[in-house]
C-alpha cells in the first residue's frame, strides 16, 4: 500500500512558484502517493506573483503575530500565507496525512532556510511551522533528495 505524503506542488513539476516556474519533477519512490499542494495559491495569491520574504522573523513568528510576510512591492501578504497554511492543514486532517516533503527556502514551505529580508537564514515557512505544531513529520526537499 502506498504511503500518502503531502508535497510542495512545484516539486512535482506543477508551475506554481512565484515566478510561474517549477522545481521538479523530483524522483519519488513508487511507495509514495504524493498529494500536491501550493499553499500560496490556496491562500488566494496568483501565479505568477511578486516574490515574498519575511520581516521580523520566520513562519513560527508569523503564526505568533510577531512577524509578517511582505512582497517585493512592499505589500503585506501575511494573510494569504496564513490562510493557505490553514487550508493545507485542513486537507492533511481530512486525508489523515502525517508526513510532508516541502520546498526549502520558500516563505510557505521552507523547512530549514527561508529569506528574512535580503538574507537566507535559518528558519521555516508558515506552512512548515503550522504542520510541525500539529505533530506532522516535515522533511526538507533538499534532505529528501540526498
N, C-alpha and C. Protein backbone atom coordinates (compact mmCIF):
# COMPACT_ATOMS: atom_id res chain seq x y z
N UNK A 1 0.84 -1.19 0.00
CA UNK A 1 0.00 0.00 0.00
C UNK A 1 0.88 1.25 0.00
N UNK A 2 0.55 2.21 -0.84
CA UNK A 2 1.33 3.44 -0.94
C UNK A 2 1.08 4.36 0.25
N UNK A 3 2.15 5.02 0.70
CA UNK A 3 2.04 6.00 1.78
C UNK A 3 1.68 7.35 1.18
N UNK A 4 0.57 7.94 1.65
CA UNK A 4 0.18 9.27 1.18
C UNK A 4 1.05 10.32 1.87
N UNK A 5 1.65 11.20 1.05
CA UNK A 5 2.56 12.22 1.57
C UNK A 5 2.21 13.56 0.92
N UNK A 6 2.07 14.58 1.74
CA UNK A 6 1.89 15.94 1.24
C UNK A 6 3.20 16.38 0.60
N UNK A 7 3.13 17.05 -0.55
CA UNK A 7 4.36 17.51 -1.20
C UNK A 7 4.11 18.85 -1.87
N UNK A 8 5.12 19.71 -1.80
CA UNK A 8 5.03 21.00 -2.50
C UNK A 8 4.80 20.73 -3.98
N UNK A 9 3.74 21.31 -4.52
CA UNK A 9 3.36 21.05 -5.91
C UNK A 9 4.47 21.39 -6.90
N UNK A 10 5.27 22.41 -6.60
CA UNK A 10 6.35 22.80 -7.51
C UNK A 10 7.39 21.69 -7.65
N UNK A 11 7.51 20.83 -6.64
CA UNK A 11 8.45 19.71 -6.70
C UNK A 11 7.99 18.60 -7.63
N UNK A 12 6.71 18.63 -7.99
CA UNK A 12 6.16 17.61 -8.88
C UNK A 12 6.06 18.10 -10.33
N UNK A 13 6.60 19.28 -10.59
CA UNK A 13 6.58 19.81 -11.95
C UNK A 13 5.41 20.72 -12.24
N UNK A 14 4.63 21.05 -11.23
CA UNK A 14 3.49 21.97 -11.41
C UNK A 14 4.01 23.40 -11.34
N UNK A 15 3.68 24.20 -12.33
CA UNK A 15 4.20 25.57 -12.42
C UNK A 15 3.40 26.52 -11.52
N UNK A 16 3.75 26.49 -10.24
CA UNK A 16 3.01 27.29 -9.27
C UNK A 16 3.90 28.20 -8.44
N UNK A 17 5.20 28.17 -8.68
CA UNK A 17 6.11 29.06 -7.94
C UNK A 17 5.76 30.52 -8.20
N UNK A 18 6.31 31.40 -7.38
CA UNK A 18 6.03 32.83 -7.53
C UNK A 18 6.35 33.33 -8.93
N UNK A 19 7.38 32.75 -9.56
CA UNK A 19 7.79 33.20 -10.89
C UNK A 19 7.10 32.42 -12.02
N UNK A 20 6.14 31.58 -11.66
CA UNK A 20 5.42 30.78 -12.66
C UNK A 20 6.18 29.56 -13.11
N UNK A 21 7.26 29.23 -12.43
CA UNK A 21 8.11 28.10 -12.81
C UNK A 21 7.86 26.93 -11.88
N UNK A 22 8.71 25.94 -11.97
CA UNK A 22 8.61 24.71 -11.20
C UNK A 22 9.98 24.36 -10.64
N UNK A 23 10.06 23.43 -9.75
CA UNK A 23 11.32 22.92 -9.22
C UNK A 23 11.36 21.40 -9.35
N UNK A 24 10.67 20.88 -10.32
CA UNK A 24 10.61 19.43 -10.45
C UNK A 24 10.38 19.03 -11.90
N UNK A 25 10.01 17.83 -12.10
CA UNK A 25 9.66 16.88 -11.05
C UNK A 25 10.88 16.21 -10.42
N UNK A 26 10.77 15.96 -9.12
CA UNK A 26 11.82 15.24 -8.42
C UNK A 26 11.48 13.76 -8.45
N UNK A 27 12.49 12.90 -8.34
CA UNK A 27 12.22 11.46 -8.33
C UNK A 27 11.59 11.05 -7.00
N UNK A 28 10.53 10.25 -7.08
CA UNK A 28 9.87 9.74 -5.88
C UNK A 28 9.82 8.23 -5.93
N UNK A 29 10.00 7.58 -4.80
CA UNK A 29 9.85 6.12 -4.80
C UNK A 29 8.39 5.73 -5.08
N UNK A 30 8.21 4.60 -5.69
CA UNK A 30 6.86 4.14 -6.02
C UNK A 30 6.01 3.88 -4.78
N UNK A 31 6.66 3.78 -3.62
CA UNK A 31 5.92 3.52 -2.38
C UNK A 31 5.19 4.76 -1.86
N UNK A 32 5.44 5.92 -2.48
CA UNK A 32 4.80 7.15 -2.05
C UNK A 32 3.66 7.54 -3.00
N UNK A 33 2.58 8.00 -2.40
CA UNK A 33 1.46 8.57 -3.15
C UNK A 33 1.46 10.07 -2.85
N UNK A 34 2.00 10.90 -3.75
CA UNK A 34 2.13 12.33 -3.45
C UNK A 34 0.79 13.06 -3.55
N UNK A 35 0.54 13.93 -2.58
CA UNK A 35 -0.63 14.81 -2.57
C UNK A 35 -0.08 16.23 -2.76
N UNK A 36 -0.16 16.78 -3.99
CA UNK A 36 0.46 18.09 -4.26
C UNK A 36 -0.37 19.26 -3.74
N UNK A 37 0.32 20.24 -3.17
CA UNK A 37 -0.34 21.47 -2.73
C UNK A 37 0.58 22.67 -2.96
N UNK A 38 -0.03 23.81 -3.20
CA UNK A 38 0.68 25.09 -3.21
C UNK A 38 -0.08 25.98 -2.23
N UNK A 39 0.45 26.14 -1.02
CA UNK A 39 -0.26 26.93 -0.02
C UNK A 39 -0.46 28.39 -0.43
N UNK A 40 0.45 28.92 -1.22
CA UNK A 40 0.30 30.32 -1.64
C UNK A 40 -0.90 30.48 -2.57
N UNK A 41 -1.09 29.53 -3.47
CA UNK A 41 -2.28 29.57 -4.33
C UNK A 41 -3.54 29.33 -3.51
N UNK A 42 -3.49 28.37 -2.58
CA UNK A 42 -4.66 28.10 -1.73
C UNK A 42 -4.99 29.28 -0.83
N UNK A 43 -4.00 30.11 -0.56
CA UNK A 43 -4.23 31.31 0.24
C UNK A 43 -4.80 32.46 -0.56
N UNK A 44 -4.89 32.29 -1.89
CA UNK A 44 -5.51 33.31 -2.73
C UNK A 44 -4.57 34.12 -3.58
N UNK A 45 -3.28 33.77 -3.61
CA UNK A 45 -2.33 34.52 -4.43
C UNK A 45 -2.28 33.95 -5.85
N UNK A 46 -2.07 34.80 -6.84
CA UNK A 46 -2.00 34.35 -8.22
C UNK A 46 -0.62 33.76 -8.56
N UNK A 47 -0.53 33.14 -9.70
CA UNK A 47 0.75 32.71 -10.26
C UNK A 47 0.82 33.25 -11.67
N UNK A 48 1.87 33.98 -12.01
CA UNK A 48 2.98 34.40 -11.13
C UNK A 48 2.54 35.49 -10.16
N UNK A 49 3.43 35.74 -9.18
CA UNK A 49 3.17 36.76 -8.16
C UNK A 49 4.51 37.35 -7.72
N UNK A 50 4.51 38.52 -7.12
CA UNK A 50 5.78 39.09 -6.65
C UNK A 50 6.42 38.19 -5.58
N UNK A 51 7.74 38.09 -5.63
CA UNK A 51 8.48 37.29 -4.64
C UNK A 51 8.21 37.84 -3.25
N UNK A 52 8.11 36.96 -2.27
CA UNK A 52 7.82 37.37 -0.90
C UNK A 52 8.93 36.89 0.04
N UNK A 53 9.03 37.58 1.16
CA UNK A 53 10.03 37.25 2.18
C UNK A 53 9.49 37.67 3.54
N UNK A 54 10.20 37.26 4.59
CA UNK A 54 9.78 37.59 5.95
C UNK A 54 10.38 38.90 6.43
N UNK A 55 9.64 39.55 7.31
CA UNK A 55 10.14 40.69 8.08
C UNK A 55 9.85 40.40 9.54
N UNK A 56 10.89 40.47 10.37
CA UNK A 56 10.70 40.32 11.81
C UNK A 56 10.77 38.91 12.34
N UNK A 57 11.09 37.94 11.53
CA UNK A 57 11.19 36.55 11.96
C UNK A 57 10.72 35.62 10.87
N UNK A 58 10.59 34.35 11.21
CA UNK A 58 10.20 33.34 10.21
C UNK A 58 8.73 32.95 10.39
N UNK A 59 8.35 31.82 9.81
CA UNK A 59 6.95 31.37 9.87
C UNK A 59 6.43 31.12 11.26
N UNK A 60 7.31 30.66 12.16
CA UNK A 60 6.88 30.46 13.56
C UNK A 60 6.46 31.78 14.18
N UNK A 61 7.22 32.83 13.87
CA UNK A 61 6.91 34.16 14.42
C UNK A 61 5.66 34.75 13.76
N UNK A 62 5.45 34.44 12.49
CA UNK A 62 4.22 34.88 11.82
C UNK A 62 3.00 34.29 12.52
N UNK A 63 3.06 32.99 12.84
CA UNK A 63 1.92 32.34 13.50
C UNK A 63 1.65 32.92 14.89
N UNK A 64 2.68 33.49 15.51
CA UNK A 64 2.52 34.13 16.83
C UNK A 64 2.15 35.60 16.70
N UNK A 65 2.07 36.10 15.45
CA UNK A 65 1.72 37.50 15.24
C UNK A 65 2.87 38.47 15.44
N UNK A 66 4.12 37.96 15.44
CA UNK A 66 5.29 38.81 15.70
C UNK A 66 6.14 39.09 14.46
N UNK A 67 5.74 38.57 13.32
CA UNK A 67 6.45 38.80 12.07
C UNK A 67 5.42 38.85 10.95
N UNK A 68 5.87 39.23 9.77
CA UNK A 68 4.95 39.28 8.64
C UNK A 68 5.65 38.86 7.37
N UNK A 69 4.84 38.61 6.35
CA UNK A 69 5.34 38.27 5.02
C UNK A 69 5.00 39.46 4.13
N UNK A 70 6.01 39.96 3.43
CA UNK A 70 5.81 41.07 2.50
C UNK A 70 6.37 40.68 1.14
N UNK A 71 5.83 41.28 0.10
CA UNK A 71 6.39 41.01 -1.23
C UNK A 71 7.32 42.15 -1.64
N UNK A 72 7.98 41.96 -2.77
CA UNK A 72 8.97 42.94 -3.22
C UNK A 72 8.36 44.29 -3.57
N UNK A 73 7.03 44.35 -3.68
CA UNK A 73 6.34 45.63 -3.89
C UNK A 73 6.06 46.34 -2.57
N UNK A 74 6.40 45.68 -1.46
CA UNK A 74 6.16 46.25 -0.14
C UNK A 74 4.79 45.94 0.43
N UNK A 75 4.00 45.10 -0.26
CA UNK A 75 2.65 44.76 0.19
C UNK A 75 2.71 43.66 1.26
N UNK A 76 1.94 43.82 2.31
CA UNK A 76 1.83 42.81 3.35
C UNK A 76 0.91 41.69 2.84
N UNK A 77 1.46 40.49 2.68
CA UNK A 77 0.68 39.35 2.19
C UNK A 77 0.60 38.24 3.25
N UNK A 78 0.83 38.61 4.49
CA UNK A 78 0.80 37.64 5.58
C UNK A 78 -0.51 36.86 5.58
N UNK A 79 -1.62 37.57 5.38
CA UNK A 79 -2.94 36.95 5.41
C UNK A 79 -3.02 35.75 4.46
N UNK A 80 -2.44 35.87 3.27
CA UNK A 80 -2.52 34.80 2.27
C UNK A 80 -1.68 33.59 2.70
N UNK A 81 -0.54 33.84 3.31
CA UNK A 81 0.33 32.74 3.74
C UNK A 81 -0.29 31.98 4.91
N UNK A 82 -0.91 32.70 5.83
CA UNK A 82 -1.57 32.06 6.96
C UNK A 82 -2.81 31.30 6.47
N UNK A 83 -3.60 31.94 5.64
CA UNK A 83 -4.81 31.29 5.09
C UNK A 83 -4.46 30.01 4.33
N UNK A 84 -3.44 30.09 3.48
CA UNK A 84 -3.01 28.92 2.70
C UNK A 84 -2.53 27.79 3.58
N UNK A 85 -1.76 28.13 4.62
CA UNK A 85 -1.27 27.11 5.55
C UNK A 85 -2.43 26.42 6.26
N UNK A 86 -3.43 27.19 6.66
CA UNK A 86 -4.59 26.61 7.33
C UNK A 86 -5.41 25.73 6.39
N UNK A 87 -5.50 26.12 5.12
CA UNK A 87 -6.21 25.29 4.13
C UNK A 87 -5.49 23.95 3.95
N UNK A 88 -4.16 24.00 3.87
CA UNK A 88 -3.39 22.76 3.72
C UNK A 88 -3.53 21.89 4.96
N UNK A 89 -3.49 22.50 6.13
CA UNK A 89 -3.68 21.73 7.36
C UNK A 89 -5.03 21.02 7.36
N UNK A 90 -6.06 21.70 6.90
CA UNK A 90 -7.38 21.08 6.81
C UNK A 90 -7.37 19.87 5.88
N UNK A 91 -6.67 19.99 4.77
CA UNK A 91 -6.53 18.87 3.83
C UNK A 91 -5.80 17.71 4.49
N UNK A 92 -4.73 18.01 5.22
CA UNK A 92 -3.98 16.96 5.91
C UNK A 92 -4.86 16.22 6.91
N UNK A 93 -5.66 16.96 7.64
CA UNK A 93 -6.56 16.34 8.61
C UNK A 93 -7.60 15.47 7.90
N UNK A 94 -8.16 16.00 6.83
CA UNK A 94 -9.17 15.28 6.06
C UNK A 94 -8.64 13.96 5.51
N UNK A 95 -7.41 13.98 5.00
CA UNK A 95 -6.82 12.80 4.38
C UNK A 95 -5.99 11.95 5.34
N UNK A 96 -5.84 12.40 6.58
CA UNK A 96 -5.05 11.65 7.55
C UNK A 96 -3.56 11.64 7.25
N UNK A 97 -3.06 12.71 6.65
CA UNK A 97 -1.64 12.78 6.30
C UNK A 97 -0.80 13.04 7.53
N UNK A 98 0.35 12.39 7.59
CA UNK A 98 1.26 12.52 8.74
C UNK A 98 2.65 13.01 8.35
N UNK A 99 2.91 13.11 7.03
CA UNK A 99 4.25 13.46 6.55
C UNK A 99 4.14 14.43 5.40
N UNK A 100 5.13 15.35 5.33
CA UNK A 100 5.18 16.32 4.24
C UNK A 100 6.61 16.46 3.74
N UNK A 101 6.75 16.59 2.43
CA UNK A 101 8.04 16.92 1.79
C UNK A 101 7.85 18.29 1.17
N UNK A 102 8.58 19.27 1.70
CA UNK A 102 8.33 20.66 1.31
C UNK A 102 9.58 21.34 0.78
N UNK A 103 9.37 22.31 -0.12
CA UNK A 103 10.45 23.02 -0.80
C UNK A 103 11.13 24.02 0.14
N UNK A 104 12.39 23.79 0.41
CA UNK A 104 13.14 24.70 1.28
C UNK A 104 13.30 26.07 0.63
N UNK A 105 13.53 27.06 1.45
CA UNK A 105 13.75 28.47 1.09
C UNK A 105 12.46 29.23 0.80
N UNK A 106 11.33 28.56 0.76
CA UNK A 106 10.05 29.19 0.48
C UNK A 106 9.46 29.80 1.75
N UNK A 107 8.82 30.98 1.65
CA UNK A 107 8.17 31.54 2.84
C UNK A 107 6.96 30.73 3.30
N UNK A 108 6.47 29.85 2.46
CA UNK A 108 5.40 28.93 2.88
C UNK A 108 5.99 27.61 3.34
N UNK A 109 6.79 27.00 2.49
CA UNK A 109 7.20 25.62 2.66
C UNK A 109 8.60 25.42 3.23
N UNK A 110 9.38 26.45 3.36
CA UNK A 110 10.75 26.30 3.85
C UNK A 110 10.79 25.51 5.15
N UNK A 111 11.71 24.57 5.24
CA UNK A 111 11.82 23.73 6.43
C UNK A 111 13.03 24.13 7.27
N UNK A 112 14.14 24.43 6.61
CA UNK A 112 15.38 24.76 7.34
C UNK A 112 15.87 26.17 7.07
N UNK A 113 15.58 26.68 5.86
CA UNK A 113 16.09 28.01 5.49
C UNK A 113 15.01 28.79 4.75
N UNK A 114 14.95 30.09 5.08
CA UNK A 114 14.00 31.00 4.43
C UNK A 114 14.67 32.36 4.26
N UNK A 115 14.06 33.17 3.43
CA UNK A 115 14.56 34.53 3.24
C UNK A 115 13.91 35.44 4.29
N UNK A 116 14.76 36.03 5.13
CA UNK A 116 14.32 37.06 6.07
C UNK A 116 14.99 38.33 5.60
N UNK A 117 14.17 39.24 5.05
CA UNK A 117 14.75 40.40 4.36
C UNK A 117 15.54 39.91 3.17
N UNK A 118 16.77 40.40 3.03
CA UNK A 118 17.64 40.01 1.91
C UNK A 118 18.59 38.88 2.25
N UNK A 119 18.40 38.26 3.42
CA UNK A 119 19.32 37.21 3.86
C UNK A 119 18.65 35.85 3.90
N UNK A 120 19.35 34.86 3.36
CA UNK A 120 18.91 33.47 3.50
C UNK A 120 19.31 33.04 4.91
N UNK A 121 18.33 32.74 5.75
CA UNK A 121 18.57 32.50 7.17
C UNK A 121 17.99 31.17 7.60
N UNK A 122 18.47 30.69 8.75
CA UNK A 122 17.84 29.53 9.37
C UNK A 122 16.41 29.91 9.74
N UNK A 123 15.49 29.03 9.47
CA UNK A 123 14.10 29.31 9.79
C UNK A 123 13.19 28.46 8.95
N UNK A 124 11.89 28.62 9.19
CA UNK A 124 10.93 27.83 8.44
C UNK A 124 9.77 28.67 7.96
N UNK A 125 9.10 28.16 6.94
CA UNK A 125 7.96 28.83 6.37
C UNK A 125 6.71 28.68 7.24
N UNK A 126 5.68 29.40 6.85
CA UNK A 126 4.43 29.41 7.62
C UNK A 126 3.79 28.01 7.64
N UNK A 127 3.70 27.36 6.49
CA UNK A 127 3.11 26.03 6.45
C UNK A 127 3.93 25.03 7.25
N UNK A 128 5.23 25.03 7.07
CA UNK A 128 6.09 24.09 7.81
C UNK A 128 5.90 24.25 9.31
N UNK A 129 5.89 25.50 9.77
CA UNK A 129 5.72 25.77 11.20
C UNK A 129 4.37 25.24 11.70
N UNK A 130 3.31 25.47 10.93
CA UNK A 130 1.97 25.02 11.34
C UNK A 130 1.89 23.50 11.38
N UNK A 131 2.46 22.84 10.37
CA UNK A 131 2.41 21.37 10.34
C UNK A 131 3.21 20.76 11.48
N UNK A 132 4.36 21.36 11.80
CA UNK A 132 5.15 20.86 12.93
C UNK A 132 4.40 21.03 14.24
N UNK A 133 3.71 22.17 14.40
CA UNK A 133 2.89 22.39 15.60
C UNK A 133 1.83 21.30 15.74
N UNK A 134 1.34 20.79 14.61
CA UNK A 134 0.32 19.74 14.61
C UNK A 134 0.91 18.34 14.76
N UNK A 135 2.23 18.24 14.87
CA UNK A 135 2.86 16.96 15.08
C UNK A 135 3.18 16.18 13.82
N UNK A 136 3.09 16.83 12.66
CA UNK A 136 3.42 16.14 11.42
C UNK A 136 4.93 16.07 11.23
N UNK A 137 5.39 15.07 10.50
CA UNK A 137 6.79 14.97 10.10
C UNK A 137 6.96 15.85 8.86
N UNK A 138 7.91 16.79 8.93
CA UNK A 138 8.14 17.71 7.82
C UNK A 138 9.58 17.53 7.36
N UNK A 139 9.74 17.22 6.08
CA UNK A 139 11.06 16.92 5.51
C UNK A 139 11.39 17.96 4.45
N UNK A 140 12.59 18.51 4.53
CA UNK A 140 13.07 19.46 3.53
C UNK A 140 13.30 18.73 2.21
N UNK A 141 12.94 19.39 1.11
CA UNK A 141 13.18 18.80 -0.21
C UNK A 141 14.67 18.52 -0.41
N UNK A 142 15.52 19.38 0.14
CA UNK A 142 16.97 19.18 -0.01
C UNK A 142 17.44 17.93 0.71
N UNK A 143 16.88 17.67 1.91
CA UNK A 143 17.23 16.45 2.62
C UNK A 143 16.66 15.22 1.94
N UNK A 144 15.45 15.33 1.41
CA UNK A 144 14.81 14.21 0.73
C UNK A 144 15.61 13.77 -0.49
N UNK A 145 16.20 14.73 -1.19
CA UNK A 145 16.92 14.44 -2.43
C UNK A 145 18.35 13.96 -2.19
N UNK A 146 18.80 13.95 -0.98
CA UNK A 146 20.18 13.49 -0.68
C UNK A 146 20.32 12.00 -0.88
